[in-house]
Full PDB file with SEQRES, HELIX, SHEET, SSBOND, CRYST1, ORIGX, SCALE, CONECT and MASTER records, all heavy atoms in Angstrom:
SEQRES   1 A   39  ASP VAL ALA GLN ASP PRO PRO SER GLY ALA PRO SER GLU          
SEQRES   2 A   39  GLU ARG PRO PHE ALA VAL GLN THR PHE THR ALA ARG TYR          
SEQRES   3 A   39  ASP PRO ILE GLU ASP ARG ILE CYS LEU ASN ALA VAL ASP          
SHEET    1 AA1 2 THR A  21  ASP A  27  0                                        
SHEET    2 AA1 2 ARG A  32  VAL A  38 -1                                        
CRYST1    1.000    1.000    1.000  90.00  90.00  90.00 P 1           1          
ORIGX1      1.000000  0.000000  0.000000        0.00000                         
ORIGX2      0.000000  1.000000  0.000000        0.00000                         
ORIGX3      0.000000  0.000000  1.000000        0.00000                         
SCALE1      1.000000  0.000000  0.000000        0.00000                         
SCALE2      0.000000  1.000000  0.000000        0.00000                         
SCALE3      0.000000  0.000000  1.000000        0.00000                         
ATOM      1  N   ASP A   1       0.755  -1.233   0.109  1.00  0.00           N  
ATOM      2  CA  ASP A   1      -0.004   0.019  -0.007  1.00  0.00           C  
ATOM      3  C   ASP A   1       0.874   1.231  -0.003  1.00  0.00           C  
ATOM      4  O   ASP A   1       0.254   2.263   0.320  1.00  0.00           O  
ATOM      5  CB  ASP A   1      -0.991   0.013   1.107  1.00  0.00           C  
ATOM      6  CG  ASP A   1      -0.442  -0.347   2.450  1.00  0.00           C  
ATOM      7  OD1 ASP A   1       0.717  -0.880   2.514  1.00  0.00           O  
ATOM      8  OD2 ASP A   1      -1.143  -0.299   3.454  1.00  0.00           O  
ATOM      9  N   VAL A   2       1.951   1.209  -0.422  1.00  0.00           N  
ATOM     10  CA  VAL A   2       2.828   2.377  -0.524  1.00  0.00           C  
ATOM     11  C   VAL A   2       2.544   3.205  -1.781  1.00  0.00           C  
ATOM     12  O   VAL A   2       2.302   2.608  -2.817  1.00  0.00           O  
ATOM     13  CB  VAL A   2       4.375   1.962  -0.619  1.00  0.00           C  
ATOM     14  CG1 VAL A   2       5.122   3.285  -0.917  1.00  0.00           C  
ATOM     15  CG2 VAL A   2       4.713   1.528   0.649  1.00  0.00           C  
ATOM     16  N   ALA A   3       2.254   4.347  -1.600  1.00  0.00           N  
ATOM     17  CA  ALA A   3       2.036   5.388  -2.741  1.00  0.00           C  
ATOM     18  C   ALA A   3       0.649   5.139  -3.438  1.00  0.00           C  
ATOM     19  O   ALA A   3       0.413   5.562  -4.558  1.00  0.00           O  
ATOM     20  CB  ALA A   3       3.046   5.299  -3.856  1.00  0.00           C  
ATOM     21  N   GLN A   4      -0.217   4.471  -2.688  1.00  0.00           N  
ATOM     22  CA  GLN A   4      -1.600   4.214  -3.206  1.00  0.00           C  
ATOM     23  C   GLN A   4      -2.340   5.592  -3.188  1.00  0.00           C  
ATOM     24  O   GLN A   4      -2.919   6.051  -4.057  1.00  0.00           O  
ATOM     25  CB  GLN A   4      -2.406   3.270  -2.519  1.00  0.00           C  
ATOM     26  CG  GLN A   4      -1.788   1.828  -2.560  1.00  0.00           C  
ATOM     27  CD  GLN A   4      -1.894   1.287  -3.887  1.00  0.00           C  
ATOM     28  OE1 GLN A   4      -2.982   1.527  -4.599  1.00  0.00           O  
ATOM     29  NE2 GLN A   4      -0.880   0.562  -4.362  1.00  0.00           N  
ATOM     30  N   ASP A   5      -2.332   6.230  -2.025  1.00  0.00           N  
ATOM     31  CA  ASP A   5      -2.946   7.452  -1.737  1.00  0.00           C  
ATOM     32  C   ASP A   5      -1.926   8.368  -1.072  1.00  0.00           C  
ATOM     33  O   ASP A   5      -0.942   7.887  -0.436  1.00  0.00           O  
ATOM     34  CB  ASP A   5      -4.140   7.406  -0.760  1.00  0.00           C  
ATOM     35  CG  ASP A   5      -5.276   6.514  -1.365  1.00  0.00           C  
ATOM     36  OD1 ASP A   5      -5.608   6.734  -2.463  1.00  0.00           O  
ATOM     37  OD2 ASP A   5      -5.748   5.603  -0.578  1.00  0.00           O  
ATOM     38  N   PRO A   6      -2.072   9.701  -1.336  1.00  0.00           N  
ATOM     39  CA  PRO A   6      -1.085  10.606  -0.522  1.00  0.00           C  
ATOM     40  C   PRO A   6      -1.139  10.268   0.863  1.00  0.00           C  
ATOM     41  O   PRO A   6      -2.180  10.125   1.529  1.00  0.00           O  
ATOM     42  CB  PRO A   6      -1.554  11.993  -0.855  1.00  0.00           C  
ATOM     43  CG  PRO A   6      -2.556  11.856  -1.989  1.00  0.00           C  
ATOM     44  CD  PRO A   6      -3.012  10.529  -1.971  1.00  0.00           C  
ATOM     45  N   PRO A   7       0.088  10.159   1.588  1.00  0.00           N  
ATOM     46  CA  PRO A   7       0.095   9.890   2.950  1.00  0.00           C  
ATOM     47  C   PRO A   7      -0.587  11.069   3.855  1.00  0.00           C  
ATOM     48  O   PRO A   7      -0.370  12.297   3.320  1.00  0.00           O  
ATOM     49  CB  PRO A   7       1.517   9.666   3.355  1.00  0.00           C  
ATOM     50  CG  PRO A   7       2.291  10.359   2.210  1.00  0.00           C  
ATOM     51  CD  PRO A   7       1.337  10.298   1.038  1.00  0.00           C  
ATOM     52  N   SER A   8      -1.152  10.733   4.905  1.00  0.00           N  
ATOM     53  CA  SER A   8      -1.888  11.811   5.748  1.00  0.00           C  
ATOM     54  C   SER A   8      -0.708  12.632   6.197  1.00  0.00           C  
ATOM     55  O   SER A   8       0.420  12.036   6.645  1.00  0.00           O  
ATOM     56  CB  SER A   8      -2.590  11.284   6.796  1.00  0.00           C  
ATOM     57  OG  SER A   8      -1.864  10.427   7.692  1.00  0.00           O  
ATOM     58  N   GLY A   9      -0.757  13.913   6.263  1.00  0.00           N  
ATOM     59  CA  GLY A   9       0.365  14.733   6.656  1.00  0.00           C  
ATOM     60  C   GLY A   9       1.407  14.872   5.591  1.00  0.00           C  
ATOM     61  O   GLY A   9       2.453  15.511   5.887  1.00  0.00           O  
ATOM     62  N   ALA A  10       1.160  14.525   4.361  1.00  0.00           N  
ATOM     63  CA  ALA A  10       2.172  14.647   3.302  1.00  0.00           C  
ATOM     64  C   ALA A  10       2.358  16.122   3.024  1.00  0.00           C  
ATOM     65  O   ALA A  10       1.331  16.821   3.087  1.00  0.00           O  
ATOM     66  CB  ALA A  10       1.793  13.799   2.091  1.00  0.00           C  
ATOM     67  N   PRO A  11       3.454  16.530   2.511  1.00  0.00           N  
ATOM     68  CA  PRO A  11       3.611  17.975   2.174  1.00  0.00           C  
ATOM     69  C   PRO A  11       2.797  18.240   0.989  1.00  0.00           C  
ATOM     70  O   PRO A  11       2.506  17.445   0.038  1.00  0.00           O  
ATOM     71  CB  PRO A  11       5.144  18.074   1.900  1.00  0.00           C  
ATOM     72  CG  PRO A  11       5.621  16.604   1.547  1.00  0.00           C  
ATOM     73  CD  PRO A  11       4.591  15.737   2.301  1.00  0.00           C  
ATOM     74  N   SER A  12       2.518  19.506   0.806  1.00  0.00           N  
ATOM     75  CA  SER A  12       1.758  19.971  -0.394  1.00  0.00           C  
ATOM     76  C   SER A  12       2.727  20.090  -1.545  1.00  0.00           C  
ATOM     77  O   SER A  12       3.909  20.131  -1.435  1.00  0.00           O  
ATOM     78  CB  SER A  12       0.983  21.310  -0.020  1.00  0.00           C  
ATOM     79  OG  SER A  12       1.996  22.329   0.061  1.00  0.00           O  
ATOM     80  N   GLU A  13       2.190  20.329  -2.780  1.00  0.00           N  
ATOM     81  CA  GLU A  13       3.031  20.448  -3.919  1.00  0.00           C  
ATOM     82  C   GLU A  13       3.851  21.703  -3.836  1.00  0.00           C  
ATOM     83  O   GLU A  13       4.999  21.735  -4.218  1.00  0.00           O  
ATOM     84  CB  GLU A  13       2.144  20.497  -5.128  1.00  0.00           C  
ATOM     85  CG  GLU A  13       1.637  19.255  -5.670  1.00  0.00           C  
ATOM     86  CD  GLU A  13       2.725  18.335  -6.168  1.00  0.00           C  
ATOM     87  OE1 GLU A  13       3.710  18.673  -6.848  1.00  0.00           O  
ATOM     88  OE2 GLU A  13       2.633  17.051  -6.046  1.00  0.00           O  
ATOM     89  N   GLU A  14       3.325  22.769  -3.220  1.00  0.00           N  
ATOM     90  CA  GLU A  14       4.065  23.983  -3.047  1.00  0.00           C  
ATOM     91  C   GLU A  14       5.270  23.873  -2.108  1.00  0.00           C  
ATOM     92  O   GLU A  14       6.247  24.575  -2.247  1.00  0.00           O  
ATOM     93  CB  GLU A  14       3.165  25.133  -2.523  1.00  0.00           C  
ATOM     94  CG  GLU A  14       1.914  25.405  -3.506  1.00  0.00           C  
ATOM     95  CD  GLU A  14       0.820  24.405  -3.208  1.00  0.00           C  
ATOM     96  OE1 GLU A  14       0.547  24.182  -1.973  1.00  0.00           O  
ATOM     97  OE2 GLU A  14       0.152  24.033  -4.216  1.00  0.00           O  
ATOM     98  N   ARG A  15       5.118  23.009  -1.098  1.00  0.00           N  
ATOM     99  CA  ARG A  15       6.109  23.034  -0.100  1.00  0.00           C  
ATOM    100  C   ARG A  15       6.530  21.626   0.194  1.00  0.00           C  
ATOM    101  O   ARG A  15       5.934  20.889   0.965  1.00  0.00           O  
ATOM    102  CB  ARG A  15       5.652  23.643   1.158  1.00  0.00           C  
ATOM    103  CG  ARG A  15       6.575  24.017   2.157  1.00  0.00           C  
ATOM    104  CD  ARG A  15       5.944  24.626   3.315  1.00  0.00           C  
ATOM    105  NE  ARG A  15       4.884  23.728   3.692  1.00  0.00           N  
ATOM    106  CZ  ARG A  15       4.265  23.662   4.837  1.00  0.00           C  
ATOM    107  NH1 ARG A  15       4.695  24.393   5.828  1.00  0.00           N  
ATOM    108  NH2 ARG A  15       3.505  22.818   5.097  1.00  0.00           N  
ATOM    109  N   PRO A  16       7.549  21.112  -0.502  1.00  0.00           N  
ATOM    110  CA  PRO A  16       8.010  19.732  -0.428  1.00  0.00           C  
ATOM    111  C   PRO A  16       8.612  19.505   1.094  1.00  0.00           C  
ATOM    112  O   PRO A  16       9.084  20.461   1.628  1.00  0.00           O  
ATOM    113  CB  PRO A  16       9.192  19.541  -1.432  1.00  0.00           C  
ATOM    114  CG  PRO A  16       9.093  20.660  -2.349  1.00  0.00           C  
ATOM    115  CD  PRO A  16       8.399  21.798  -1.596  1.00  0.00           C  
ATOM    116  N   PHE A  17       8.574  18.276   1.436  1.00  0.00           N  
ATOM    117  CA  PHE A  17       9.231  17.813   2.740  1.00  0.00           C  
ATOM    118  C   PHE A  17      10.709  18.157   2.672  1.00  0.00           C  
ATOM    119  O   PHE A  17      11.335  17.591   1.782  1.00  0.00           O  
ATOM    120  CB  PHE A  17       8.964  16.442   3.018  1.00  0.00           C  
ATOM    121  CG  PHE A  17       9.386  15.822   4.228  1.00  0.00           C  
ATOM    122  CD1 PHE A  17       8.675  16.080   5.380  1.00  0.00           C  
ATOM    123  CD2 PHE A  17      10.480  15.032   4.444  1.00  0.00           C  
ATOM    124  CE1 PHE A  17       9.003  15.513   6.631  1.00  0.00           C  
ATOM    125  CE2 PHE A  17      10.916  14.417   5.503  1.00  0.00           C  
ATOM    126  CZ  PHE A  17      10.142  14.657   6.604  1.00  0.00           C  
ATOM    127  N   ALA A  18      11.221  18.934   3.473  1.00  0.00           N  
ATOM    128  CA  ALA A  18      12.656  19.313   3.538  1.00  0.00           C  
ATOM    129  C   ALA A  18      13.431  18.446   4.475  1.00  0.00           C  
ATOM    130  O   ALA A  18      13.339  18.684   5.646  1.00  0.00           O  
ATOM    131  CB  ALA A  18      12.775  20.922   3.764  1.00  0.00           C  
ATOM    132  N   VAL A  19      14.152  17.418   3.918  1.00  0.00           N  
ATOM    133  CA  VAL A  19      14.808  16.428   4.757  1.00  0.00           C  
ATOM    134  C   VAL A  19      15.973  17.180   5.533  1.00  0.00           C  
ATOM    135  O   VAL A  19      16.804  17.775   4.862  1.00  0.00           O  
ATOM    136  CB  VAL A  19      15.263  15.283   3.975  1.00  0.00           C  
ATOM    137  CG1 VAL A  19      16.157  14.385   4.838  1.00  0.00           C  
ATOM    138  CG2 VAL A  19      14.164  14.515   3.402  1.00  0.00           C  
ATOM    139  N   GLN A  20      16.085  17.032   6.861  1.00  0.00           N  
ATOM    140  CA  GLN A  20      17.229  17.532   7.546  1.00  0.00           C  
ATOM    141  C   GLN A  20      18.111  16.318   7.993  1.00  0.00           C  
ATOM    142  O   GLN A  20      19.359  16.534   7.960  1.00  0.00           O  
ATOM    143  CB  GLN A  20      16.736  18.227   8.802  1.00  0.00           C  
ATOM    144  CG  GLN A  20      17.854  18.892   9.455  1.00  0.00           C  
ATOM    145  CD  GLN A  20      17.304  19.857  10.627  1.00  0.00           C  
ATOM    146  OE1 GLN A  20      16.173  19.833  10.962  1.00  0.00           O  
ATOM    147  NE2 GLN A  20      18.232  20.737  11.102  1.00  0.00           N  
ATOM    148  N   THR A  21      17.496  15.249   8.330  1.00  0.00           N  
ATOM    149  CA  THR A  21      18.276  14.024   8.726  1.00  0.00           C  
ATOM    150  C   THR A  21      17.596  12.867   8.182  1.00  0.00           C  
ATOM    151  O   THR A  21      16.310  12.772   8.083  1.00  0.00           O  
ATOM    152  CB  THR A  21      18.283  14.009  10.290  1.00  0.00           C  
ATOM    153  OG1 THR A  21      18.893  15.216  10.779  1.00  0.00           O  
ATOM    154  CG2 THR A  21      19.287  12.837  10.810  1.00  0.00           C  
ATOM    155  N   PHE A  22      18.365  11.847   7.829  1.00  0.00           N  
ATOM    156  CA  PHE A  22      17.743  10.530   7.521  1.00  0.00           C  
ATOM    157  C   PHE A  22      18.523   9.471   7.851  1.00  0.00           C  
ATOM    158  O   PHE A  22      19.792   9.524   8.022  1.00  0.00           O  
ATOM    159  CB  PHE A  22      17.265  10.569   5.969  1.00  0.00           C  
ATOM    160  CG  PHE A  22      18.478  10.266   5.041  1.00  0.00           C  
ATOM    161  CD1 PHE A  22      19.030   9.128   4.796  1.00  0.00           C  
ATOM    162  CD2 PHE A  22      19.058  11.454   4.400  1.00  0.00           C  
ATOM    163  CE1 PHE A  22      20.139   8.968   3.843  1.00  0.00           C  
ATOM    164  CE2 PHE A  22      20.010  11.375   3.526  1.00  0.00           C  
ATOM    165  CZ  PHE A  22      20.580  10.111   3.275  1.00  0.00           C  
ATOM    166  N   THR A  23      17.955   8.350   8.030  1.00  0.00           N  
ATOM    167  CA  THR A  23      18.589   6.991   8.346  1.00  0.00           C  
ATOM    168  C   THR A  23      18.106   6.026   7.149  1.00  0.00           C  
ATOM    169  O   THR A  23      17.080   5.870   6.967  1.00  0.00           O  
ATOM    170  CB  THR A  23      18.214   6.351   9.606  1.00  0.00           C  
ATOM    171  OG1 THR A  23      18.644   7.370  10.721  1.00  0.00           O  
ATOM    172  CG2 THR A  23      18.894   5.087   9.879  1.00  0.00           C  
ATOM    173  N   ALA A  24      19.091   5.477   6.478  1.00  0.00           N  
ATOM    174  CA  ALA A  24      18.816   4.461   5.517  1.00  0.00           C  
ATOM    175  C   ALA A  24      18.920   3.112   6.019  1.00  0.00           C  
ATOM    176  O   ALA A  24      19.853   2.834   6.797  1.00  0.00           O  
ATOM    177  CB  ALA A  24      19.815   4.664   4.226  1.00  0.00           C  
ATOM    178  N   ARG A  25      18.006   2.308   5.587  1.00  0.00           N  
ATOM    179  CA  ARG A  25      17.984   0.849   6.013  1.00  0.00           C  
ATOM    180  C   ARG A  25      17.485   0.041   4.930  1.00  0.00           C  
ATOM    181  O   ARG A  25      16.612   0.397   4.149  1.00  0.00           O  
ATOM    182  CB  ARG A  25      17.190   0.568   7.318  1.00  0.00           C  
ATOM    183  CG  ARG A  25      15.755   0.775   7.181  1.00  0.00           C  
ATOM    184  CD  ARG A  25      14.981   0.558   8.401  1.00  0.00           C  
ATOM    185  NE  ARG A  25      13.500   0.775   8.268  1.00  0.00           N  
ATOM    186  CZ  ARG A  25      12.661   0.028   7.605  1.00  0.00           C  
ATOM    187  NH1 ARG A  25      13.085  -1.047   7.116  1.00  0.00           N  
ATOM    188  NH2 ARG A  25      11.422   0.409   7.449  1.00  0.00           N  
ATOM    189  N   TYR A  26      17.945  -1.222   4.825  1.00  0.00           N  
ATOM    190  CA  TYR A  26      17.402  -2.145   3.881  1.00  0.00           C  
ATOM    191  C   TYR A  26      16.236  -2.919   4.497  1.00  0.00           C  
ATOM    192  O   TYR A  26      16.262  -3.319   5.560  1.00  0.00           O  
ATOM    193  CB  TYR A  26      18.413  -3.218   3.486  1.00  0.00           C  
ATOM    194  CG  TYR A  26      17.915  -4.312   2.602  1.00  0.00           C  
ATOM    195  CD1 TYR A  26      17.480  -4.070   1.411  1.00  0.00           C  
ATOM    196  CD2 TYR A  26      17.819  -5.591   3.095  1.00  0.00           C  
ATOM    197  CE1 TYR A  26      16.893  -5.045   0.570  1.00  0.00           C  
ATOM    198  CE2 TYR A  26      17.169  -6.575   2.396  1.00  0.00           C  
ATOM    199  CZ  TYR A  26      16.730  -6.295   1.033  1.00  0.00           C  
ATOM    200  OH  TYR A  26      16.269  -7.344   0.266  1.00  0.00           O  
ATOM    201  N   ASP A  27      15.097  -2.838   3.781  1.00  0.00           N  
ATOM    202  CA  ASP A  27      13.818  -3.582   4.200  1.00  0.00           C  
ATOM    203  C   ASP A  27      13.748  -4.789   3.395  1.00  0.00           C  
ATOM    204  O   ASP A  27      13.423  -4.792   2.162  1.00  0.00           O  
ATOM    205  CB  ASP A  27      12.634  -2.632   3.946  1.00  0.00           C  
ATOM    206  CG  ASP A  27      11.336  -3.137   4.373  1.00  0.00           C  
ATOM    207  OD1 ASP A  27      11.259  -4.443   4.528  1.00  0.00           O  
ATOM    208  OD2 ASP A  27      10.424  -2.433   4.672  1.00  0.00           O  
ATOM    209  N   PRO A  28      14.007  -5.924   4.056  1.00  0.00           N  
ATOM    210  CA  PRO A  28      14.067  -7.237   3.334  1.00  0.00           C  
ATOM    211  C   PRO A  28      12.627  -7.668   2.768  1.00  0.00           C  
ATOM    212  O   PRO A  28      12.544  -8.377   1.913  1.00  0.00           O  
ATOM    213  CB  PRO A  28      14.618  -8.242   4.357  1.00  0.00           C  
ATOM    214  CG  PRO A  28      14.383  -7.580   5.699  1.00  0.00           C  
ATOM    215  CD  PRO A  28      14.383  -6.071   5.468  1.00  0.00           C  
ATOM    216  N   ILE A  29      11.509  -7.249   3.560  1.00  0.00           N  
ATOM    217  CA  ILE A  29      10.178  -7.607   3.126  1.00  0.00           C  
ATOM    218  C   ILE A  29       9.876  -6.888   1.877  1.00  0.00           C  
ATOM    219  O   ILE A  29       9.360  -7.529   0.955  1.00  0.00           O  
ATOM    220  CB  ILE A  29       9.265  -7.315   4.236  1.00  0.00           C  
ATOM    221  CG1 ILE A  29       9.531  -8.227   5.443  1.00  0.00           C  
ATOM    222  CG2 ILE A  29       7.810  -7.506   3.713  1.00  0.00           C  
ATOM    223  CD1 ILE A  29       8.801  -7.835   6.654  1.00  0.00           C  
ATOM    224  N   GLU A  30      10.233  -5.624   1.762  1.00  0.00           N  
ATOM    225  CA  GLU A  30       9.919  -4.845   0.471  1.00  0.00           C  
ATOM    226  C   GLU A  30      11.015  -5.047  -0.530  1.00  0.00           C  
ATOM    227  O   GLU A  30      10.870  -4.667  -1.660  1.00  0.00           O  
ATOM    228  CB  GLU A  30       9.839  -3.385   0.865  1.00  0.00           C  
ATOM    229  CG  GLU A  30       8.660  -3.102   1.786  1.00  0.00           C  
ATOM    230  CD  GLU A  30       7.332  -3.330   1.203  1.00  0.00           C  
ATOM    231  OE1 GLU A  30       7.255  -3.379  -0.063  1.00  0.00           O  
ATOM    232  OE2 GLU A  30       6.281  -3.387   1.948  1.00  0.00           O  
ATOM    233  N   ASP A  31      12.255  -5.490  -0.092  1.00  0.00           N  
ATOM    234  CA  ASP A  31      13.293  -5.628  -1.002  1.00  0.00           C  
ATOM    235  C   ASP A  31      13.759  -4.258  -1.553  1.00  0.00           C  
ATOM    236  O   ASP A  31      14.002  -3.980  -2.787  1.00  0.00           O  
ATOM    237  CB  ASP A  31      13.225  -6.694  -2.053  1.00  0.00           C  
ATOM    238  CG  ASP A  31      14.548  -7.030  -2.824  1.00  0.00           C  
ATOM    239  OD1 ASP A  31      15.603  -6.767  -2.194  1.00  0.00           O  
ATOM    240  OD2 ASP A  31      14.583  -7.313  -3.938  1.00  0.00           O  
ATOM    241  N   ARG A  32      13.704  -3.256  -0.708  1.00  0.00           N  
ATOM    242  CA  ARG A  32      14.005  -1.773  -1.094  1.00  0.00           C  
ATOM    243  C   ARG A  32      14.788  -1.217   0.016  1.00  0.00           C  
ATOM    244  O   ARG A  32      14.911  -1.616   1.177  1.00  0.00           O  
ATOM    245  CB  ARG A  32      12.705  -1.128  -1.298  1.00  0.00           C  
ATOM    246  CG  ARG A  32      11.854  -1.630  -2.410  1.00  0.00           C  
ATOM    247  CD  ARG A  32      10.678  -0.829  -2.724  1.00  0.00           C  
ATOM    248  NE  ARG A  32      10.147  -1.348  -3.868  1.00  0.00           N  
ATOM    249  CZ  ARG A  32       8.775  -1.457  -4.155  1.00  0.00           C  
ATOM    250  NH1 ARG A  32       7.980  -1.144  -3.175  1.00  0.00           N  
ATOM    251  NH2 ARG A  32       8.339  -1.888  -5.234  1.00  0.00           N  
ATOM    252  N   ILE A  33      15.326   0.011  -0.303  1.00  0.00           N  
ATOM    253  CA  ILE A  33      15.965   0.778   0.800  1.00  0.00           C  
ATOM    254  C   ILE A  33      14.971   1.773   1.194  1.00  0.00           C  
ATOM    255  O   ILE A  33      14.266   2.329   0.415  1.00  0.00           O  
ATOM    256  CB  ILE A  33      17.307   1.454   0.179  1.00  0.00           C  
ATOM    257  CG1 ILE A  33      18.386   0.414  -0.203  1.00  0.00           C  
ATOM    258  CG2 ILE A  33      17.797   2.458   1.103  1.00  0.00           C  
ATOM    259  CD1 ILE A  33      19.577   0.905  -0.843  1.00  0.00           C  
ATOM    260  N   CYS A  34      14.953   1.949   2.538  1.00  0.00           N  
ATOM    261  CA  CYS A  34      13.910   2.923   3.161  1.00  0.00           C  
ATOM    262  C   CYS A  34      14.721   3.996   3.708  1.00  0.00           C  
ATOM    263  O   CYS A  34      15.747   3.796   4.572  1.00  0.00           O  
ATOM    264  CB  CYS A  34      13.156   2.161   4.151  1.00  0.00           C  
ATOM    265  SG  CYS A  34      11.903   3.332   4.859  1.00  0.00           S  
ATOM    266  N   LEU A  35      14.397   5.201   3.392  1.00  0.00           N  
ATOM    267  CA  LEU A  35      14.985   6.453   4.081  1.00  0.00           C  
ATOM    268  C   LEU A  35      14.036   6.943   5.146  1.00  0.00           C  
ATOM    269  O   LEU A  35      12.981   7.329   4.725  1.00  0.00           O  
ATOM    270  CB  LEU A  35      15.277   7.551   3.022  1.00  0.00           C  
ATOM    271  CG  LEU A  35      16.193   7.285   1.804  1.00  0.00           C  
ATOM    272  CD1 LEU A  35      16.337   8.539   1.051  1.00  0.00           C  
ATOM    273  CD2 LEU A  35      17.507   6.777   2.373  1.00  0.00           C  
ATOM    274  N   ASN A  36      14.324   6.723   6.431  1.00  0.00           N  
ATOM    275  CA  ASN A  36      13.437   7.232   7.455  1.00  0.00           C  
ATOM    276  C   ASN A  36      14.029   8.625   7.712  1.00  0.00           C  
ATOM    277  O   ASN A  36      15.110   8.900   8.040  1.00  0.00           O  
ATOM    278  CB  ASN A  36      13.593   6.396   8.729  1.00  0.00           C  
ATOM    279  CG  ASN A  36      12.971   5.109   8.595  1.00  0.00           C  
ATOM    280  OD1 ASN A  36      11.974   4.939   7.965  1.00  0.00           O  
ATOM    281  ND2 ASN A  36      13.499   4.138   9.347  1.00  0.00           N  
ATOM    282  N   ALA A  37      13.184   9.632   7.176  1.00  0.00           N  
ATOM    283  CA  ALA A  37      13.516  10.976   7.270  1.00  0.00           C  
ATOM    284  C   ALA A  37      12.746  11.842   8.176  1.00  0.00           C  
ATOM    285  O   ALA A  37      11.713  11.678   8.603  1.00  0.00           O  
ATOM    286  CB  ALA A  37      13.440  11.525   5.759  1.00  0.00           C  
ATOM    287  N   VAL A  38      13.410  12.983   8.692  1.00  0.00           N  
ATOM    288  CA  VAL A  38      12.792  13.977   9.617  1.00  0.00           C  
ATOM    289  C   VAL A  38      13.109  15.353   9.131  1.00  0.00           C  
ATOM    290  O   VAL A  38      14.236  15.631   8.463  1.00  0.00           O  
ATOM    291  CB  VAL A  38      13.214  13.697  10.994  1.00  0.00           C  
ATOM    292  CG1 VAL A  38      14.717  13.987  11.186  1.00  0.00           C  
ATOM    293  CG2 VAL A  38      12.527  14.599  12.007  1.00  0.00           C  
ATOM    294  N   ASP A  39      12.167  16.307   9.133  1.00  0.00           N  
ATOM    295  CA  ASP A  39      12.526  17.599   8.693  1.00  0.00           C  
ATOM    296  C   ASP A  39      12.821  18.496   9.931  1.00  0.00           C  
ATOM    297  O   ASP A  39      12.836  17.967  11.077  1.00  0.00           O  
ATOM    298  CB  ASP A  39      11.315  18.233   7.909  1.00  0.00           C  
ATOM    299  CG  ASP A  39      10.070  18.416   8.717  1.00  0.00           C  
ATOM    300  OD1 ASP A  39      10.095  18.249   9.871  1.00  0.00           O  
ATOM    301  OD2 ASP A  39       9.030  18.778   8.037  1.00  0.00           O  
TER     302      ASP A  39                                                      
MASTER        0    0    0    0    2    0    0    6  301    1    0    3          
END                                                                             
């Protein structure tokens, strides 16, 4: 269910989420890299 609908609290088109810090991790279930980010 990733990217099916805009996430609640997602930034608007005018103001993208400005990442200040992130942690990258490999998610074996998704077989993808996930960036856990904070603004």
